[in-house]
C-alpha atoms as a PDB file:
ATOM      1  CA  MET A   1       0.000   0.000   0.000  1.00  0.00           C
ATOM      2  CA  LEU A   2       2.815   2.426   0.886  1.00  0.00           C
ATOM      3  CA  THR A   3       4.583   1.587  -2.381  1.00  0.00           C
ATOM      4  CA  GLN A   4       1.429   2.383  -4.339  1.00  0.00           C
ATOM      5  CA  ARG A   5       1.033   5.726  -2.535  1.00  0.00           C
ATOM      6  CA  LEU A   6       4.660   6.645  -3.253  1.00  0.00           C
ATOM      7  CA  ARG A   7       4.206   5.827  -6.930  1.00  0.00           C
ATOM      8  CA  THR A   8       1.037   7.881  -7.071  1.00  0.00           C
ATOM      9  CA  ALA A   9       2.682  10.813  -5.282  1.00  0.00           C
ATOM     10  CA  THR A  10       5.959  10.809  -7.244  1.00  0.00           C
ATOM     11  CA  GLY A  11       4.507  10.001 -10.679  1.00  0.00           C
ATOM     12  CA  PRO A  12       3.667  13.626 -11.548  1.00  0.00           C
ATOM     13  CA  LEU A  13       7.048  14.751 -10.211  1.00  0.00           C
ATOM     14  CA  TRP A  14       8.953  12.345 -12.473  1.00  0.00           C
ATOM     15  CA  HIS A  15       6.728  13.330 -15.387  1.00  0.00           C
ATOM     16  CA  SER A  16       7.670  17.007 -14.820  1.00  0.00           C
ATOM     17  CA  VAL A  17      11.339  16.161 -14.415  1.00  0.00           C
ATOM     18  CA  SER A  18      11.366  14.241 -17.686  1.00  0.00           C
ATOM     19  CA  LYS A  19       9.628  17.124 -19.510  1.00  0.00           C
ATOM     20  CA  VAL A  20      12.224  19.585 -18.214  1.00  0.00           C
ATOM     21  CA  ALA A  21      15.047  17.226 -19.168  1.00  0.00           C
ATOM     22  CA  ARG A  22      13.689  16.856 -22.730  1.00  0.00           C
ATOM     23  CA  TYR A  23      13.356  20.637 -23.002  1.00  0.00           C
ATOM     24  CA  ILE A  24      16.930  21.210 -21.829  1.00  0.00           C
ATOM     25  CA  LEU A  25      18.305  18.555 -24.176  1.00  0.00           C
ATOM     26  CA  THR A  26      16.658  20.262 -27.177  1.00  0.00           C
ATOM     27  CA  LEU A  27      17.931  23.764 -26.330  1.00  0.00           C
ATOM     28  CA  PRO A  28      21.083  23.600 -28.528  1.00  0.00           C
ATOM     29  CA  GLU A  29      18.984  22.465 -31.484  1.00  0.00           C
ATOM     30  CA  ARG A  30      16.449  25.245 -30.877  1.00  0.00           C
ATOM     31  CA  TYR A  31      19.230  27.821 -30.566  1.00  0.00           C
ATOM     32  CA  ARG A  32      20.762  26.703 -33.889  1.00  0.00           C
ATOM     33  CA  ALA A  33      17.361  26.961 -35.585  1.00  0.00           C
ATOM     34  CA  ILE A  34      16.747  30.459 -34.207  1.00  0.00           C
ATOM     35  CA  ARG A  35      20.257  31.567 -35.221  1.00  0.00           C
ATOM     36  CA  ALA A  36      19.794  30.147 -38.739  1.00  0.00           C
ATOM     37  CA  ALA A  37      16.462  31.952 -39.109  1.00  0.00           C
ATOM     38  CA  ARG A  38      18.019  35.255 -37.948  1.00  0.00           C
ATOM     39  CA  GLU A  39      20.915  34.811 -40.387  1.00  0.00           C
ATOM     40  CA  ALA A  40      18.516  34.057 -43.254  1.00  0.00           C
ATOM     41  CA  ARG A  41      16.545  37.247 -42.490  1.00  0.00           C
ATOM     42  CA  GLY A  42      19.803  39.240 -42.344  1.00  0.00           C
ATOM     43  CA  ILE A  43      20.951  37.938 -45.729  1.00  0.00           C
ATOM     44  CA  ALA A  44      17.505  38.588 -47.229  1.00  0.00           C
ATOM     45  CA  LEU A  45      17.618  42.213 -46.044  1.00  0.00           C
ATOM     46  CA  LEU A  46      21.177  42.628 -47.315  1.00  0.00           C
ATOM     47  CA  ARG A  47      20.185  41.277 -50.732  1.00  0.00           C
ATOM     48  CA  GLU A  48      17.349  43.838 -50.936  1.00  0.00           C
ATOM     49  CA  TRP A  49      19.896  46.653 -50.526  1.00  0.00           C
ATOM     50  CA  LEU A  50      22.451  45.289 -53.010  1.00  0.00           C
ATOM     51  CA  SER A  51      22.497  46.533 -56.576  1.00  0.00           C
ATOM     52  CA  PRO A  52      21.954  43.866 -59.250  1.00  0.00           C
ATOM     53  CA  ALA A  53      25.720  43.759 -59.935  1.00  0.00           C
ATOM     54  CA  GLN A  54      26.514  43.448 -56.229  1.00  0.00           C
ATOM     55  CA  ARG A  55      23.930  40.674 -55.884  1.00  0.00           C
ATOM     56  CA  VAL A  56      25.577  38.739 -58.727  1.00  0.00           C
ATOM     57  CA  GLN A  57      28.992  39.164 -57.068  1.00  0.00           C
ATOM     58  CA  PHE A  58      27.643  38.072 -53.696  1.00  0.00           C
ATOM     59  CA  ASP A  59      25.885  35.007 -55.107  1.00  0.00           C
ATOM     60  CA  ALA A  60      28.991  33.928 -57.018  1.00  0.00           C
ATOM     61  CA  SER A  61      31.722  34.700 -54.491  1.00  0.00           C
ATOM     62  CA  LYS A  62      30.165  35.533 -51.079  1.00  0.00           C
ATOM     63  CA  TYR A  63      31.459  39.099 -51.320  1.00  0.00           C
ATOM     64  CA  PHE A  64      30.449  42.311 -53.052  1.00  0.00           C
ATOM     65  CA  GLU A  65      32.226  45.561 -53.849  1.00  0.00           C
ATOM     66  CA  VAL A  66      31.287  49.109 -52.898  1.00  0.00           C
ATOM     67  CA  VAL A  67      32.785  52.489 -53.766  1.00  0.00           C
ATOM     68  CA  GLY A  68      33.559  54.899 -50.954  1.00  0.00           C
ATOM     69  CA  CYS A  69      31.579  58.131 -51.144  1.00  0.00           C
ATOM     70  CA  ASP A  70      34.484  60.426 -50.191  1.00  0.00           C
ATOM     71  CA  SER A  71      37.609  58.963 -51.806  1.00  0.00           C
ATOM     72  CA  GLY A  72      36.222  56.795 -54.583  1.00  0.00           C
ATOM     73  CA  TRP A  73      38.266  53.853 -53.274  1.00  0.00           C
ATOM     74  CA  ARG A  74      36.822  50.399 -53.819  1.00  0.00           C
ATOM     75  CA  TYR A  75      36.135  48.032 -50.962  1.00  0.00           C
ATOM     76  CA  ARG A  76      35.307  44.347 -51.023  1.00  0.00           C
ATOM     77  CA  ILE A  77      32.972  43.240 -48.235  1.00  0.00           C
ATOM     78  CA  HIS A  78      33.296  39.508 -47.649  1.00  0.00           C
ATOM     79  CA  TYR A  79      30.691  37.374 -45.919  1.00  0.00           C
ATOM     80  CA  GLY A  80      31.462  37.581 -42.219  1.00  0.00           C
ATOM     81  CA  ARG A  81      31.214  39.627 -39.070  1.00  0.00           C
ATOM     82  CA  VAL A  82      34.745  40.982 -38.453  1.00  0.00           C
ATOM     83  CA  THR A  83      37.898  41.666 -40.507  1.00  0.00           C
ATOM     84  CA  ASN A  84      35.844  41.202 -43.651  1.00  0.00           C
ATOM     85  CA  VAL A  85      36.308  44.574 -45.406  1.00  0.00           C
ATOM     86  CA  HIS A  86      39.264  44.895 -47.784  1.00  0.00           C
ATOM     87  CA  GLN A  87      40.244  48.005 -49.672  1.00  0.00           C
ATOM     88  CA  ILE A  88      41.228  46.917 -53.185  1.00  0.00           C
ATOM     89  CA  ASP A  89      43.335  48.455 -55.939  1.00  0.00           C
ATOM     90  CA  GLU A  90      42.532  48.892 -59.638  1.00  0.00           C
ATOM     91  CA  ALA A  91      43.571  45.289 -60.323  1.00  0.00           C
ATOM     92  CA  GLY A  92      41.186  43.992 -57.660  1.00  0.00           C
ATOM     93  CA  GLN A  93      43.987  43.053 -55.262  1.00  0.00           C
ATOM     94  CA  PRO A  94      43.612  43.781 -51.545  1.00  0.00           C
ATOM     95  CA  VAL A  95      45.594  46.748 -50.273  1.00  0.00           C
ATOM     96  CA  VAL A  96      44.563  46.970 -46.633  1.00  0.00           C
ATOM     97  CA  GLY A  97      41.868  45.547 -44.414  1.00  0.00           C
ATOM     98  CA  TRP A  98      39.433  47.515 -42.293  1.00  0.00           C
ATOM     99  CA  CYS A  99      37.607  46.257 -39.236  1.00  0.00           C
ATOM    100  CA  PHE A 100      34.506  48.070 -38.048  1.00  0.00           C
ATOM    101  CA  VAL A 101      31.277  46.610 -36.743  1.00  0.00           C
ATOM    102  CA  PRO A 102      28.170  48.008 -35.100  1.00  0.00           C
ATOM    103  CA  SER A 103      27.551  47.167 -31.470  1.00  0.00           C
ATOM    104  CA  GLY A 104      25.052  44.473 -30.593  1.00  0.00           C
ATOM    105  CA  GLY A 105      24.599  40.833 -31.368  1.00  0.00           C
ATOM    106  CA  LEU A 106      23.954  41.180 -35.082  1.00  0.00           C
ATOM    107  CA  VAL A 107      24.253  38.417 -37.655  1.00  0.00           C
ATOM    108  CA  ALA A 108      26.650  38.606 -40.603  1.00  0.00           C
ATOM    109  CA  GLY A 109      24.070  39.853 -43.112  1.00  0.00           C
ATOM    110  CA  ASP A 110      23.097  42.786 -40.893  1.00  0.00           C
ATOM    111  CA  ILE A 111      26.731  43.698 -40.203  1.00  0.00           C
ATOM    112  CA  MET A 112      27.612  43.599 -43.895  1.00  0.00           C
ATOM    113  CA  LEU A 113      24.659  45.889 -44.680  1.00  0.00           C
ATOM    114  CA  VAL A 114      25.841  48.393 -42.058  1.00  0.00           C
ATOM    115  CA  GLN A 115      29.365  48.248 -43.521  1.00  0.00           C
ATOM    116  CA  LYS A 116      28.013  48.865 -47.025  1.00  0.00           C
ATOM    117  CA  ILE A 117      25.912  51.844 -45.962  1.00  0.00           C
ATOM    118  CA  ALA A 118      28.732  53.304 -43.848  1.00  0.00           C
ATOM    119  CA  LEU A 119      31.256  53.233 -46.701  1.00  0.00           C
ATOM    120  CA  GLU A 120      28.776  54.560 -49.263  1.00  0.00           C
ATOM    121  CA  THR A 121      27.504  57.429 -47.088  1.00  0.00           C
ATOM    122  CA  ALA A 122      30.202  58.329 -44.501  1.00  0.00           C
ATOM    123  CA  GLU A 123      33.424  56.740 -45.690  1.00  0.00           C
ATOM    124  CA  LEU A 124      36.017  58.967 -44.011  1.00  0.00           C
ATOM    125  CA  ALA A 125      34.151  59.096 -40.695  1.00  0.00           C
ATOM    126  CA  THR A 126      33.876  55.312 -40.779  1.00  0.00           C
ATOM    127  CA  LEU A 127      37.571  54.810 -41.525  1.00  0.00           C
ATOM    128  CA  ALA A 128      38.453  57.227 -38.720  1.00  0.00           C
ATOM    129  CA  VAL A 129      37.039  54.769 -36.166  1.00  0.00           C
ATOM    130  CA  ALA A 130      37.970  51.553 -38.003  1.00  0.00           C
ATOM    131  CA  ASN A 131      40.998  49.393 -37.258  1.00  0.00           C
ATOM    132  CA  GLN A 132      43.416  48.662 -40.090  1.00  0.00           C
ATOM    133  CA  PHE A 133      44.908  45.228 -40.582  1.00  0.00           C
ATOM    134  CA  LYS A 134      47.220  43.505 -43.047  1.00  0.00           C
ATOM    135  CA  VAL A 135      45.626  41.415 -45.761  1.00  0.00           C
ATOM    136  CA  GLN A 136      47.109  38.534 -47.698  1.00  0.00           C
ATOM    137  CA  ALA A 137      47.113  39.134 -51.431  1.00  0.00           C
ATOM    138  CA  PRO A 138      46.399  35.925 -53.375  1.00  0.00           C
ATOM    139  CA  GLY A 139      49.754  34.314 -54.069  1.00  0.00           C
ATOM    140  CA  GLY A 140      51.626  37.164 -52.390  1.00  0.00           C
ATOM    141  CA  SER A 141      52.800  38.481 -49.086  1.00  0.00           C
ATOM    142  CA  PRO A 142      50.722  40.417 -46.547  1.00  0.00           C
ATOM    143  CA  THR A 143      50.211  44.077 -47.289  1.00  0.00           C
ATOM    144  CA  ALA A 144      51.204  46.688 -44.710  1.00  0.00           C
ATOM    145  CA  PRO A 145      48.544  48.976 -43.248  1.00  0.00           C
END
């Protein structure tokens, strides 16, 4: 009789414990799904702001080029969140890298859109707060900042 009472009393407890355990075990999977959905929305918004030529570049190579509004220099913005902006020369070779990102937990697509808008509308102000870094030219040595 006591055994039956204990089973009756602890049954709902174990049911709740197992529900919590299942929920906790699925958290990483849920987080990945949420992150993937946020990234997809970020890329979709970025694509809306790209010109047709930039969209073709991005689809083919996971980067696109922009022209700075103040200097006319060309920049290549690669898919990514940091150290993904390279100033390029007339031959399309990287000259120097620039690192600047907005604050907050943004996904790559959102960050790349901010970088695009910043270079196209406030290039010199953006570069004033950006960090320079050396970039590796394809088949060559790193360039100096």
